[in-house]
Amino acid sequence: MTPEEIKSLIEAGLEDSEAIVEGEDGTHFQAIVVCDQFEGLPLVKRHQLVYKTLGDKMKSEIHALSIRPLTRSEWENSKDLRTL
């Protein structure tokens, strides 16, 4: 998989989301996912929402995915989190 494919899957699966995805080896990736659906959810639930958008690809094509799930207000207020 490519970072662009993962970005597309996440953004298609989470309405009004934005994803920044990086990964150079095709199996290990890092993502910042900004989505207001995360509001009020604990970290594990946020991760589950992102994993759901990737479906079986997490079992076969993606070996590891590091996720920083943020609401829009968290994203805007956290300049130190803007890099992967």
N, C-alpha and C. Protein backbone atom coordinates (compact mmCIF):
# COMPACT_ATOMS: atom_id res chain seq x y z
N MET A 1 0.84 -1.19 0.00
CA MET A 1 0.00 0.00 0.00
C MET A 1 0.88 1.24 0.00
N THR A 2 0.29 2.31 -0.46
CA THR A 2 0.99 3.59 -0.42
C THR A 2 0.33 4.49 0.62
N PRO A 3 1.06 5.49 1.09
CA PRO A 3 0.46 6.45 2.01
C PRO A 3 -0.79 7.12 1.41
N GLU A 4 -0.78 7.36 0.12
CA GLU A 4 -1.91 8.01 -0.53
C GLU A 4 -3.16 7.12 -0.51
N GLU A 5 -2.96 5.80 -0.68
CA GLU A 5 -4.09 4.87 -0.63
C GLU A 5 -4.69 4.81 0.77
N ILE A 6 -3.84 4.80 1.78
CA ILE A 6 -4.32 4.78 3.16
C ILE A 6 -5.06 6.07 3.47
N LYS A 7 -4.50 7.19 3.06
CA LYS A 7 -5.14 8.50 3.25
C LYS A 7 -6.53 8.49 2.63
N SER A 8 -6.66 8.00 1.42
CA SER A 8 -7.95 7.95 0.72
C SER A 8 -8.96 7.08 1.46
N LEU A 9 -8.53 5.93 1.94
CA LEU A 9 -9.43 5.03 2.66
C LEU A 9 -9.93 5.67 3.96
N ILE A 10 -9.01 6.29 4.69
CA ILE A 10 -9.39 6.93 5.95
C ILE A 10 -10.37 8.07 5.69
N GLU A 11 -10.05 8.93 4.75
CA GLU A 11 -10.90 10.09 4.48
C GLU A 11 -12.25 9.68 3.90
N ALA A 12 -12.31 8.58 3.16
CA ALA A 12 -13.59 8.08 2.64
C ALA A 12 -14.42 7.46 3.75
N GLY A 13 -13.76 6.85 4.73
CA GLY A 13 -14.46 6.15 5.80
C GLY A 13 -14.88 7.01 6.97
N LEU A 14 -14.23 8.14 7.14
CA LEU A 14 -14.57 9.07 8.23
C LEU A 14 -15.00 10.40 7.61
N GLU A 15 -16.27 10.67 7.68
CA GLU A 15 -16.83 11.87 7.07
C GLU A 15 -16.14 13.13 7.60
N ASP A 16 -15.83 14.04 6.70
CA ASP A 16 -15.20 15.33 7.03
C ASP A 16 -13.88 15.17 7.77
N SER A 17 -13.11 14.16 7.41
CA SER A 17 -11.81 13.97 8.05
C SER A 17 -10.69 14.40 7.12
N GLU A 18 -9.54 14.64 7.71
CA GLU A 18 -8.32 14.92 6.97
C GLU A 18 -7.24 14.01 7.52
N ALA A 19 -6.46 13.40 6.65
CA ALA A 19 -5.40 12.51 7.10
C ALA A 19 -4.08 12.92 6.45
N ILE A 20 -3.04 12.82 7.25
CA ILE A 20 -1.67 12.98 6.77
C ILE A 20 -1.01 11.63 7.03
N VAL A 21 -0.57 10.97 5.98
CA VAL A 21 -0.01 9.63 6.13
C VAL A 21 1.38 9.60 5.50
N GLU A 22 2.31 9.01 6.23
CA GLU A 22 3.67 8.83 5.74
C GLU A 22 4.10 7.39 5.95
N GLY A 23 5.00 6.94 5.13
CA GLY A 23 5.56 5.59 5.25
C GLY A 23 6.33 5.28 4.00
N GLU A 24 7.57 4.86 4.16
CA GLU A 24 8.43 4.68 3.00
C GLU A 24 8.64 3.23 2.58
N ASP A 25 8.32 2.27 3.47
CA ASP A 25 8.63 0.89 3.12
C ASP A 25 7.44 0.08 2.62
N GLY A 26 6.25 0.70 2.56
CA GLY A 26 5.08 0.02 2.03
C GLY A 26 4.33 -0.83 3.03
N THR A 27 4.83 -0.97 4.26
CA THR A 27 4.13 -1.76 5.27
C THR A 27 4.03 -1.08 6.63
N HIS A 28 4.90 -0.13 6.91
CA HIS A 28 4.90 0.60 8.18
C HIS A 28 4.54 2.07 7.91
N PHE A 29 3.51 2.56 8.61
CA PHE A 29 3.00 3.90 8.32
C PHE A 29 2.73 4.68 9.60
N GLN A 30 2.72 6.01 9.47
CA GLN A 30 2.33 6.92 10.53
C GLN A 30 1.24 7.82 9.98
N ALA A 31 0.24 8.10 10.81
CA ALA A 31 -0.87 8.94 10.35
C ALA A 31 -1.32 9.90 11.43
N ILE A 32 -1.61 11.11 11.01
CA ILE A 32 -2.36 12.06 11.83
C ILE A 32 -3.74 12.12 11.18
N VAL A 33 -4.77 11.87 11.97
CA VAL A 33 -6.13 11.89 11.45
C VAL A 33 -6.92 12.93 12.24
N VAL A 34 -7.44 13.91 11.52
CA VAL A 34 -8.20 15.00 12.15
C VAL A 34 -9.67 14.82 11.78
N CYS A 35 -10.51 14.67 12.82
CA CYS A 35 -11.92 14.40 12.58
C CYS A 35 -12.73 14.74 13.83
N ASP A 36 -13.79 15.49 13.65
CA ASP A 36 -14.62 15.85 14.80
C ASP A 36 -15.43 14.69 15.35
N GLN A 37 -15.51 13.57 14.64
CA GLN A 37 -16.17 12.38 15.18
C GLN A 37 -15.43 11.84 16.41
N PHE A 38 -14.19 12.26 16.61
CA PHE A 38 -13.40 11.83 17.75
C PHE A 38 -13.79 12.56 19.04
N GLU A 39 -14.55 13.62 18.93
CA GLU A 39 -14.92 14.43 20.09
C GLU A 39 -15.53 13.57 21.19
N GLY A 40 -14.95 13.66 22.38
CA GLY A 40 -15.46 12.95 23.54
C GLY A 40 -15.12 11.47 23.63
N LEU A 41 -14.40 10.95 22.62
CA LEU A 41 -14.07 9.53 22.62
C LEU A 41 -12.68 9.30 23.23
N PRO A 42 -12.52 8.19 23.96
CA PRO A 42 -11.18 7.85 24.45
C PRO A 42 -10.29 7.43 23.28
N LEU A 43 -9.01 7.44 23.53
CA LEU A 43 -8.02 7.15 22.48
C LEU A 43 -8.28 5.81 21.79
N VAL A 44 -8.60 4.77 22.54
CA VAL A 44 -8.81 3.46 21.94
C VAL A 44 -9.99 3.46 20.98
N LYS A 45 -11.05 4.18 21.28
CA LYS A 45 -12.22 4.26 20.39
C LYS A 45 -11.86 5.04 19.13
N ARG A 46 -11.04 6.06 19.27
CA ARG A 46 -10.59 6.83 18.10
C ARG A 46 -9.80 5.93 17.16
N HIS A 47 -8.89 5.15 17.74
CA HIS A 47 -8.09 4.23 16.92
C HIS A 47 -8.99 3.21 16.23
N GLN A 48 -9.98 2.70 16.94
CA GLN A 48 -10.88 1.71 16.35
C GLN A 48 -11.63 2.28 15.15
N LEU A 49 -12.04 3.55 15.23
CA LEU A 49 -12.72 4.17 14.09
C LEU A 49 -11.80 4.24 12.87
N VAL A 50 -10.54 4.56 13.10
CA VAL A 50 -9.59 4.63 11.98
C VAL A 50 -9.33 3.23 11.42
N TYR A 51 -9.09 2.26 12.29
CA TYR A 51 -8.85 0.89 11.82
C TYR A 51 -10.02 0.35 11.02
N LYS A 52 -11.22 0.71 11.42
CA LYS A 52 -12.43 0.25 10.71
C LYS A 52 -12.42 0.72 9.25
N THR A 53 -11.90 1.90 8.98
CA THR A 53 -11.85 2.41 7.61
C THR A 53 -10.91 1.61 6.73
N LEU A 54 -9.95 0.91 7.35
CA LEU A 54 -8.95 0.16 6.60
C LEU A 54 -9.31 -1.32 6.44
N GLY A 55 -10.27 -1.78 7.22
CA GLY A 55 -10.77 -3.14 7.08
C GLY A 55 -9.69 -4.20 7.10
N ASP A 56 -9.79 -5.15 6.18
CA ASP A 56 -8.87 -6.29 6.13
C ASP A 56 -7.45 -5.91 5.72
N LYS A 57 -7.28 -4.71 5.23
CA LYS A 57 -5.93 -4.28 4.83
C LYS A 57 -4.98 -4.25 6.03
N MET A 58 -5.55 -4.06 7.25
CA MET A 58 -4.73 -4.07 8.45
C MET A 58 -4.19 -5.48 8.72
N LYS A 59 -4.84 -6.49 8.20
CA LYS A 59 -4.39 -7.86 8.41
C LYS A 59 -3.42 -8.33 7.33
N SER A 60 -3.52 -7.73 6.14
CA SER A 60 -2.74 -8.26 5.03
C SER A 60 -1.72 -7.29 4.44
N GLU A 61 -2.10 -6.05 4.24
CA GLU A 61 -1.22 -5.13 3.50
C GLU A 61 -0.49 -4.11 4.37
N ILE A 62 -1.00 -3.87 5.57
CA ILE A 62 -0.38 -2.88 6.47
C ILE A 62 0.14 -3.64 7.68
N HIS A 63 1.45 -3.62 7.86
CA HIS A 63 2.03 -4.33 8.99
C HIS A 63 1.88 -3.52 10.28
N ALA A 64 2.10 -2.21 10.20
CA ALA A 64 2.02 -1.35 11.38
C ALA A 64 1.53 0.04 10.98
N LEU A 65 0.67 0.59 11.84
CA LEU A 65 0.16 1.94 11.61
C LEU A 65 0.12 2.68 12.93
N SER A 66 0.92 3.71 13.04
CA SER A 66 0.92 4.58 14.22
C SER A 66 -0.06 5.71 13.94
N ILE A 67 -1.02 5.93 14.85
CA ILE A 67 -2.10 6.90 14.60
C ILE A 67 -2.11 7.97 15.69
N ARG A 68 -2.23 9.23 15.27
CA ARG A 68 -2.52 10.35 16.17
C ARG A 68 -3.90 10.88 15.78
N PRO A 69 -4.94 10.43 16.46
CA PRO A 69 -6.30 10.89 16.13
C PRO A 69 -6.65 12.15 16.92
N LEU A 70 -6.99 13.21 16.22
CA LEU A 70 -7.26 14.50 16.86
C LEU A 70 -8.56 15.10 16.35
N THR A 71 -9.25 15.83 17.22
CA THR A 71 -10.38 16.64 16.76
C THR A 71 -9.79 17.89 16.09
N ARG A 72 -10.62 18.63 15.40
CA ARG A 72 -10.13 19.86 14.75
C ARG A 72 -9.59 20.86 15.77
N SER A 73 -10.26 21.00 16.89
CA SER A 73 -9.78 21.95 17.90
C SER A 73 -8.46 21.48 18.50
N GLU A 74 -8.29 20.18 18.72
CA GLU A 74 -7.02 19.66 19.22
C GLU A 74 -5.91 19.91 18.20
N TRP A 75 -6.22 19.71 16.94
CA TRP A 75 -5.25 19.94 15.85
C TRP A 75 -4.83 21.41 15.81
N GLU A 76 -5.80 22.31 15.88
CA GLU A 76 -5.50 23.74 15.80
C GLU A 76 -4.73 24.24 17.02
N ASN A 77 -4.94 23.62 18.17
CA ASN A 77 -4.29 24.07 19.40
C ASN A 77 -3.00 23.32 19.73
N SER A 78 -2.58 22.42 18.89
CA SER A 78 -1.40 21.60 19.20
C SER A 78 -0.37 21.68 18.10
N LYS A 79 0.33 22.77 18.05
CA LYS A 79 1.35 22.96 17.02
C LYS A 79 2.44 21.89 17.11
N ASP A 80 2.74 21.41 18.32
CA ASP A 80 3.79 20.41 18.47
C ASP A 80 3.38 19.05 17.91
N LEU A 81 2.09 18.81 17.66
CA LEU A 81 1.62 17.54 17.12
C LEU A 81 1.49 17.54 15.60
N ARG A 82 1.90 18.60 14.95
CA ARG A 82 1.70 18.72 13.52
C ARG A 82 2.70 17.96 12.67
N THR A 83 3.63 17.32 13.33
CA THR A 83 4.58 16.50 12.58
C THR A 83 4.45 15.06 13.02
N LEU A 84 4.76 14.17 12.12
CA LEU A 84 4.65 12.73 12.42
C LEU A 84 5.81 12.22 13.19
